[in-house]
Amino acid sequence: MLFVVKQQKLTGNVVTCYEAGAFGFHLHCRLQELGINNYVVQPQDWDERGKRVKNDRLDAAALCQRLDRYERGNKKAFSTVRIPTVDEERERAMSRQRQQLMRERQRVAGMGRGLLALHNIHITGKWWKGKAWAALKVLAPEWVIGMLEVFIKILNPLDEQELKLMHQLQEAARERKIPRGVGPLTFEILRREVGDWGRFNNRRQVSSYTGLCPREHSSGGKRRSGSVSKCGNPRVRAMLVEMVWRMMRWQPDYRPLKKWAHVLYSATPNAASRKKAVVAIARQLAVDLWRIFTGAAKAETFGLIYLPDAV
């Protein structure tokens, strides 16, 4: 920061940029407080010529060159990252913390199952709860039970905190208008990850953000599409796909579901084809939600039914 302040004294207009990473947007906020125009840039491989040489000096030089192009009007010189508001960051952190607690619980629970498997005891689900734990006390050796109790001291607080956050997210979702059958928890996580639907200018930007667009490798007269790019937000992608699987039961009148009905409800189901259809519907669902939340269209236009008790 001292270097930046020094540069401010030398010139009236200082423009900076840095790659988005694990340190969040704290540095961006500090620079903004100093009156500096800063860009948070999407990370990428800056070795354009494929020299396979990477260090901080070369990366900084490449960033400065791209920044110069960007300021001169070439808005494709690099991709900027949207800076969330304080409220958006707080809400998103809550849903992500729940996911982190869930993964940590699964990791510790897997340690316990691995220890039991060494003694030919195979168990699924929450082995530290109720009847499962009572049965293990009879089947497993005493010293194994002692080791499992160490895991339980970690698992119970994780379970409690995860459940508490889940209830908070569900309660927050009930205050909003939710399509029938998609699940309040799923819908609330999606809302918090996206933040502001109005930041997208067109449906292509929405689809790209989800990472559900197909890859493409085309040249000349040949055009070849591949699997989905997965370049967008992975949590948004997961929530959209989960919503589609639920909507197959609760939203039969949804237009994209009707379009793919011959695949989803086929008499001879094909798992791969169904998954491709679900991905296509999830991509369209994101676009339809964007249109609904920005006021460009009504839910009834797409055949979506909302909960009767929604606000």
Protein backbone atom coordinates (compact mmCIF):
# COMPACT_ATOMS: atom_id res chain seq x y z
CA MET A 1 0.00 0.00 0.00
CA LEU A 2 2.91 2.36 0.65
CA PHE A 3 4.03 1.92 -2.96
CA VAL A 4 0.54 2.79 -4.21
CA VAL A 5 0.38 5.90 -2.03
CA LYS A 6 3.75 6.96 -3.41
CA GLN A 7 2.48 6.56 -6.99
CA GLN A 8 -0.54 8.69 -6.14
CA LYS A 9 1.75 11.55 -5.21
CA LEU A 10 3.53 11.28 -8.57
CA THR A 11 0.39 11.23 -10.74
CA GLY A 12 -3.23 12.17 -10.31
CA ASN A 13 -4.70 9.03 -11.87
CA VAL A 14 -3.60 5.59 -10.67
CA VAL A 15 -5.24 2.46 -12.08
CA THR A 16 -4.45 -0.98 -10.65
CA CYS A 17 -5.51 -4.60 -11.07
CA TYR A 18 -4.82 -7.95 -9.48
CA GLU A 19 -5.96 -11.54 -9.96
CA ALA A 20 -8.86 -12.83 -7.90
CA GLY A 21 -7.80 -15.41 -5.36
CA ALA A 22 -8.07 -16.74 -1.85
CA PHE A 23 -7.58 -13.29 -0.26
CA GLY A 24 -10.99 -12.06 -1.34
CA PHE A 25 -11.75 -8.40 -1.97
CA HIS A 26 -10.06 -6.80 1.05
CA LEU A 27 -7.27 -5.31 -1.05
CA HIS A 28 -9.81 -3.98 -3.56
CA CYS A 29 -11.70 -2.20 -0.78
CA ARG A 30 -8.50 -0.65 0.56
CA LEU A 31 -7.58 0.64 -2.89
CA GLN A 32 -11.07 2.04 -3.41
CA GLU A 33 -10.83 3.88 -0.09
CA LEU A 34 -7.67 5.55 -1.39
CA GLY A 35 -9.58 6.73 -4.47
CA ILE A 36 -7.84 4.31 -6.85
CA ASN A 37 -9.66 2.67 -9.74
CA ASN A 38 -8.94 -1.04 -9.29
CA TYR A 39 -9.98 -4.13 -11.27
CA VAL A 40 -10.13 -7.65 -9.90
CA VAL A 41 -9.19 -9.88 -12.82
CA GLN A 42 -10.18 -13.46 -13.51
CA PRO A 43 -7.08 -15.70 -13.12
CA GLN A 44 -5.68 -17.20 -16.31
CA ASP A 45 -2.48 -18.47 -17.90
CA TRP A 46 -0.55 -15.34 -18.91
CA ASP A 47 2.04 -17.30 -20.91
CA GLU A 48 0.59 -16.43 -24.33
CA ARG A 49 3.59 -17.69 -26.31
CA GLY A 50 3.86 -21.00 -24.49
CA LYS A 51 7.41 -20.42 -23.20
CA ARG A 52 6.61 -22.41 -20.05
CA VAL A 53 8.29 -19.81 -17.87
CA LYS A 54 6.24 -18.38 -15.03
CA ASN A 55 7.25 -16.01 -12.25
CA ASP A 56 5.81 -12.97 -10.50
CA ARG A 57 7.71 -10.48 -12.67
CA LEU A 58 6.38 -11.92 -15.94
CA ASP A 59 2.84 -12.18 -14.59
CA ALA A 60 2.94 -8.57 -13.39
CA ALA A 61 4.22 -7.41 -16.78
CA ALA A 62 1.47 -9.33 -18.60
CA LEU A 63 -1.18 -7.88 -16.28
CA CYS A 64 0.10 -4.34 -16.84
CA GLN A 65 0.02 -4.81 -20.62
CA ARG A 66 -3.54 -6.13 -20.46
CA LEU A 67 -4.53 -3.28 -18.14
CA ASP A 68 -3.19 -0.75 -20.64
CA ARG A 69 -5.26 -2.35 -23.43
CA TYR A 70 -8.34 -2.45 -21.21
CA GLU A 71 -8.04 1.24 -20.31
CA ARG A 72 -7.62 2.13 -23.99
CA GLY A 73 -10.97 0.56 -24.80
CA ASN A 74 -10.25 -3.14 -25.44
CA LYS A 75 -12.72 -4.62 -22.97
CA LYS A 76 -11.71 -8.15 -23.99
CA ALA A 77 -8.14 -7.71 -22.79
CA PHE A 78 -9.13 -9.51 -19.59
CA SER A 79 -12.25 -10.54 -17.71
CA THR A 80 -13.12 -8.60 -14.59
CA VAL A 81 -14.74 -10.16 -11.54
CA ARG A 82 -17.88 -8.61 -10.13
CA ILE A 83 -17.35 -7.28 -6.61
CA PRO A 84 -20.21 -8.33 -4.32
CA THR A 85 -21.72 -5.93 -1.82
CA VAL A 86 -21.11 -6.43 1.90
CA ASP A 87 -24.58 -7.94 2.37
CA GLU A 88 -24.16 -10.28 -0.63
CA GLU A 89 -20.78 -11.46 0.64
CA ARG A 90 -22.19 -12.08 4.13
CA GLU A 91 -25.16 -14.07 2.81
CA ARG A 92 -22.99 -16.11 0.46
CA ALA A 93 -20.48 -16.85 3.22
CA MET A 94 -23.25 -18.39 5.35
CA SER A 95 -24.36 -20.85 2.67
CA ARG A 96 -20.75 -21.73 1.85
CA GLN A 97 -19.92 -22.30 5.50
CA ARG A 98 -22.73 -24.84 5.70
CA GLN A 99 -21.24 -26.67 2.72
CA GLN A 100 -17.79 -26.63 4.31
CA LEU A 101 -19.16 -28.06 7.55
CA MET A 102 -20.99 -30.77 5.62
CA ARG A 103 -17.83 -31.77 3.74
CA GLU A 104 -15.82 -31.83 6.95
CA ARG A 105 -18.45 -34.05 8.59
CA GLN A 106 -18.35 -36.41 5.63
CA ARG A 107 -14.56 -36.55 5.80
CA VAL A 108 -14.46 -37.39 9.52
CA ALA A 109 -17.33 -39.87 9.15
CA GLY A 110 -15.37 -41.56 6.36
CA MET A 111 -12.42 -42.01 8.72
CA GLY A 112 -14.69 -43.87 11.11
CA ARG A 113 -16.10 -46.08 8.38
CA GLY A 114 -12.57 -46.86 7.19
CA LEU A 115 -11.55 -47.94 10.68
CA LEU A 116 -14.59 -50.20 10.92
CA ALA A 117 -13.94 -51.68 7.47
CA LEU A 118 -10.53 -52.88 8.71
CA HIS A 119 -12.47 -55.15 11.08
CA ASN A 120 -14.97 -56.32 8.44
CA ILE A 121 -17.72 -54.06 9.77
CA HIS A 122 -19.39 -52.26 6.89
CA ILE A 123 -21.94 -49.58 7.73
CA THR A 124 -23.58 -46.72 5.86
CA GLY A 125 -25.18 -43.50 7.02
CA LYS A 126 -24.53 -41.78 10.33
CA TRP A 127 -22.85 -44.60 12.24
CA TRP A 128 -22.46 -42.42 15.36
CA LYS A 129 -26.22 -41.98 15.83
CA GLY A 130 -28.92 -44.01 17.63
CA LYS A 131 -29.30 -47.70 16.82
CA ALA A 132 -26.25 -47.78 14.53
CA TRP A 133 -23.95 -46.66 17.36
CA ALA A 134 -25.58 -49.06 19.82
CA ALA A 135 -24.99 -51.96 17.39
CA LEU A 136 -21.36 -50.95 16.88
CA LYS A 137 -20.69 -51.08 20.59
CA VAL A 138 -21.54 -54.79 20.45
CA LEU A 139 -19.81 -55.65 17.16
CA ALA A 140 -16.57 -53.64 17.31
CA PRO A 141 -13.63 -54.29 19.68
CA GLU A 142 -13.39 -52.07 22.73
CA TRP A 143 -10.28 -50.23 21.56
CA VAL A 144 -11.97 -49.43 18.22
CA ILE A 145 -14.94 -47.96 20.09
CA GLY A 146 -12.52 -45.76 22.00
CA MET A 147 -11.06 -44.43 18.76
CA LEU A 148 -14.51 -43.88 17.27
CA GLU A 149 -15.52 -41.83 20.30
CA VAL A 150 -12.75 -39.39 19.37
CA PHE A 151 -14.41 -38.92 15.98
CA ILE A 152 -17.82 -38.50 17.62
CA LYS A 153 -16.53 -35.55 19.63
CA ILE A 154 -15.87 -33.84 16.30
CA LEU A 155 -18.93 -35.09 14.43
CA ASN A 156 -21.62 -34.00 16.90
CA PRO A 157 -20.68 -30.26 16.93
CA LEU A 158 -20.33 -30.32 13.14
CA ASP A 159 -23.78 -31.90 12.84
CA GLU A 160 -25.27 -29.32 15.20
CA GLN A 161 -23.80 -26.29 13.44
CA GLU A 162 -24.67 -27.61 9.98
CA LEU A 163 -28.28 -28.17 11.03
CA LYS A 164 -28.47 -24.70 12.56
CA LEU A 165 -27.27 -23.04 9.35
CA MET A 166 -29.62 -25.16 7.25
CA HIS A 167 -32.62 -24.02 9.30
CA GLN A 168 -31.53 -20.39 8.98
CA LEU A 169 -31.28 -20.69 5.20
CA GLN A 170 -34.67 -22.39 4.96
CA GLU A 171 -36.31 -19.71 7.12
CA ALA A 172 -34.81 -16.99 4.95
CA ALA A 173 -36.13 -18.73 1.83
CA ARG A 174 -39.69 -18.88 3.16
CA GLU A 175 -39.82 -15.09 3.12
CA ARG A 176 -39.41 -15.12 -0.66
CA LYS A 177 -41.38 -16.26 -3.68
CA ILE A 178 -40.27 -19.81 -4.50
CA PRO A 179 -41.34 -22.09 -7.36
CA ARG A 180 -43.17 -25.18 -6.19
CA GLY A 181 -41.08 -28.26 -5.48
CA VAL A 182 -37.58 -26.83 -5.98
CA GLY A 183 -36.83 -26.83 -2.26
CA PRO A 184 -36.32 -23.73 -0.09
CA LEU A 185 -32.72 -24.65 0.79
CA THR A 186 -31.71 -25.22 -2.83
CA PHE A 187 -33.41 -22.03 -3.99
CA GLU A 188 -31.85 -19.91 -1.23
CA ILE A 189 -28.34 -21.19 -1.95
CA LEU A 190 -28.84 -20.39 -5.65
CA ARG A 191 -30.09 -16.90 -4.84
CA ARG A 192 -27.15 -16.14 -2.57
CA GLU A 193 -24.58 -17.43 -5.06
CA VAL A 194 -25.95 -15.39 -7.94
CA GLY A 195 -26.45 -12.24 -5.87
CA ASP A 196 -27.87 -9.72 -8.31
CA TRP A 197 -29.61 -11.18 -11.37
CA GLY A 198 -29.65 -7.73 -12.94
CA ARG A 199 -25.90 -7.80 -13.58
CA PHE A 200 -26.40 -9.96 -16.67
CA ASN A 201 -27.09 -8.14 -19.93
CA ASN A 202 -28.34 -11.09 -22.00
CA ARG A 203 -29.11 -14.79 -21.85
CA ARG A 204 -25.67 -15.75 -23.15
CA GLN A 205 -24.02 -14.20 -20.11
CA VAL A 206 -26.38 -16.11 -17.83
CA SER A 207 -25.62 -19.42 -19.56
CA SER A 208 -21.87 -18.78 -19.44
CA TYR A 209 -22.03 -18.02 -15.73
CA THR A 210 -23.60 -21.41 -15.03
CA GLY A 211 -20.88 -23.29 -16.92
CA LEU A 212 -23.56 -25.42 -18.59
CA CYS A 213 -22.70 -24.34 -22.14
CA PRO A 214 -21.06 -26.95 -24.40
CA ARG A 215 -17.40 -26.73 -25.28
CA GLU A 216 -16.62 -25.94 -28.88
CA HIS A 217 -13.67 -26.66 -31.15
CA SER A 218 -14.43 -25.31 -34.61
CA SER A 219 -12.25 -24.39 -37.54
CA GLY A 220 -13.09 -23.63 -41.14
CA GLY A 221 -16.26 -25.41 -42.12
CA LYS A 222 -16.07 -27.90 -39.26
CA ARG A 223 -17.91 -27.39 -35.97
CA ARG A 224 -17.49 -29.76 -33.05
CA SER A 225 -19.21 -29.45 -29.66
CA GLY A 226 -18.16 -31.28 -26.54
CA SER A 227 -19.31 -31.67 -22.95
CA VAL A 228 -20.24 -28.69 -20.79
CA SER A 229 -17.44 -26.23 -20.12
CA LYS A 230 -17.88 -26.07 -16.31
CA CYS A 231 -16.25 -22.63 -16.41
CA GLY A 232 -18.89 -20.96 -14.27
CA ASN A 233 -19.92 -21.10 -10.64
CA PRO A 234 -19.97 -24.80 -9.59
CA ARG A 235 -22.47 -24.21 -6.75
CA VAL A 236 -24.93 -22.51 -9.10
CA ARG A 237 -24.53 -25.37 -11.56
CA ALA A 238 -25.21 -27.98 -8.88
CA MET A 239 -28.28 -26.18 -7.54
CA LEU A 240 -29.79 -25.76 -11.01
CA VAL A 241 -29.38 -29.44 -11.84
CA GLU A 242 -30.83 -30.43 -8.48
CA MET A 243 -33.84 -28.16 -9.07
CA VAL A 244 -34.52 -29.74 -12.47
CA TRP A 245 -34.61 -33.27 -11.04
CA ARG A 246 -37.20 -32.10 -8.51
CA MET A 247 -39.20 -30.16 -11.06
CA MET A 248 -39.72 -33.34 -13.07
CA ARG A 249 -42.24 -34.26 -10.37
CA TRP A 250 -43.55 -30.92 -9.15
CA GLN A 251 -43.50 -28.74 -12.28
CA PRO A 252 -44.84 -30.95 -15.13
CA ASP A 253 -46.09 -27.89 -17.06
CA TYR A 254 -42.69 -26.22 -17.25
CA ARG A 255 -42.04 -25.68 -20.96
CA PRO A 256 -38.46 -27.07 -21.20
CA LEU A 257 -39.61 -30.22 -19.36
CA LYS A 258 -42.34 -30.70 -21.94
CA LYS A 259 -39.81 -30.20 -24.72
CA TRP A 260 -37.58 -32.98 -23.37
CA ALA A 261 -40.40 -35.22 -22.17
CA HIS A 262 -39.67 -37.81 -24.89
CA VAL A 263 -36.23 -38.32 -23.31
CA LEU A 264 -37.03 -37.90 -19.62
CA TYR A 265 -40.13 -40.09 -19.56
CA SER A 266 -39.15 -42.60 -22.24
CA ALA A 267 -40.41 -46.18 -21.93
CA THR A 268 -36.80 -47.34 -22.47
CA PRO A 269 -34.84 -44.80 -20.37
CA ASN A 270 -31.25 -44.03 -21.25
CA ALA A 271 -29.25 -42.64 -18.32
CA ALA A 272 -26.78 -40.69 -20.47
CA SER A 273 -29.54 -39.11 -22.57
CA ARG A 274 -31.52 -38.15 -19.47
CA LYS A 275 -28.50 -36.45 -17.94
CA LYS A 276 -27.89 -34.46 -21.12
CA ALA A 277 -31.54 -33.42 -21.16
CA VAL A 278 -31.37 -32.33 -17.51
CA VAL A 279 -28.30 -30.21 -18.24
CA ALA A 280 -30.07 -28.54 -21.16
CA ILE A 281 -33.12 -27.83 -19.01
CA ALA A 282 -30.94 -26.48 -16.16
CA ARG A 283 -29.30 -24.04 -18.58
CA GLN A 284 -32.70 -22.85 -19.78
CA LEU A 285 -33.97 -22.65 -16.20
CA ALA A 286 -31.19 -20.20 -15.32
CA VAL A 287 -32.18 -17.99 -18.26
CA ASP A 288 -35.87 -18.16 -17.32
CA LEU A 289 -35.13 -17.26 -13.68
CA TRP A 290 -33.06 -14.30 -14.87
CA ARG A 291 -36.00 -13.10 -16.97
CA ILE A 292 -38.39 -13.54 -14.04
CA PHE A 293 -36.26 -11.78 -11.42
CA THR A 294 -35.42 -8.88 -13.73
CA GLY A 295 -39.09 -8.40 -14.59
CA ALA A 296 -38.66 -9.23 -18.28
CA ALA A 297 -41.25 -12.03 -18.09
CA LYS A 298 -43.70 -13.66 -15.70
CA ALA A 299 -43.40 -17.16 -14.30
CA GLU A 300 -46.70 -18.19 -15.87
CA THR A 301 -45.18 -17.59 -19.31
CA PHE A 302 -42.84 -20.56 -18.77
CA GLY A 303 -45.42 -22.74 -17.02
CA LEU A 304 -43.87 -22.33 -13.56
CA ILE A 305 -46.14 -22.68 -10.53
CA TYR A 306 -45.31 -20.89 -7.29
CA LEU A 307 -46.15 -21.98 -3.77
CA PRO A 308 -49.57 -20.63 -2.72
CA ASP A 309 -48.25 -19.37 0.62
CA ALA A 310 -45.28 -17.55 -0.91
CA VAL A 311 -44.99 -13.85 -0.23
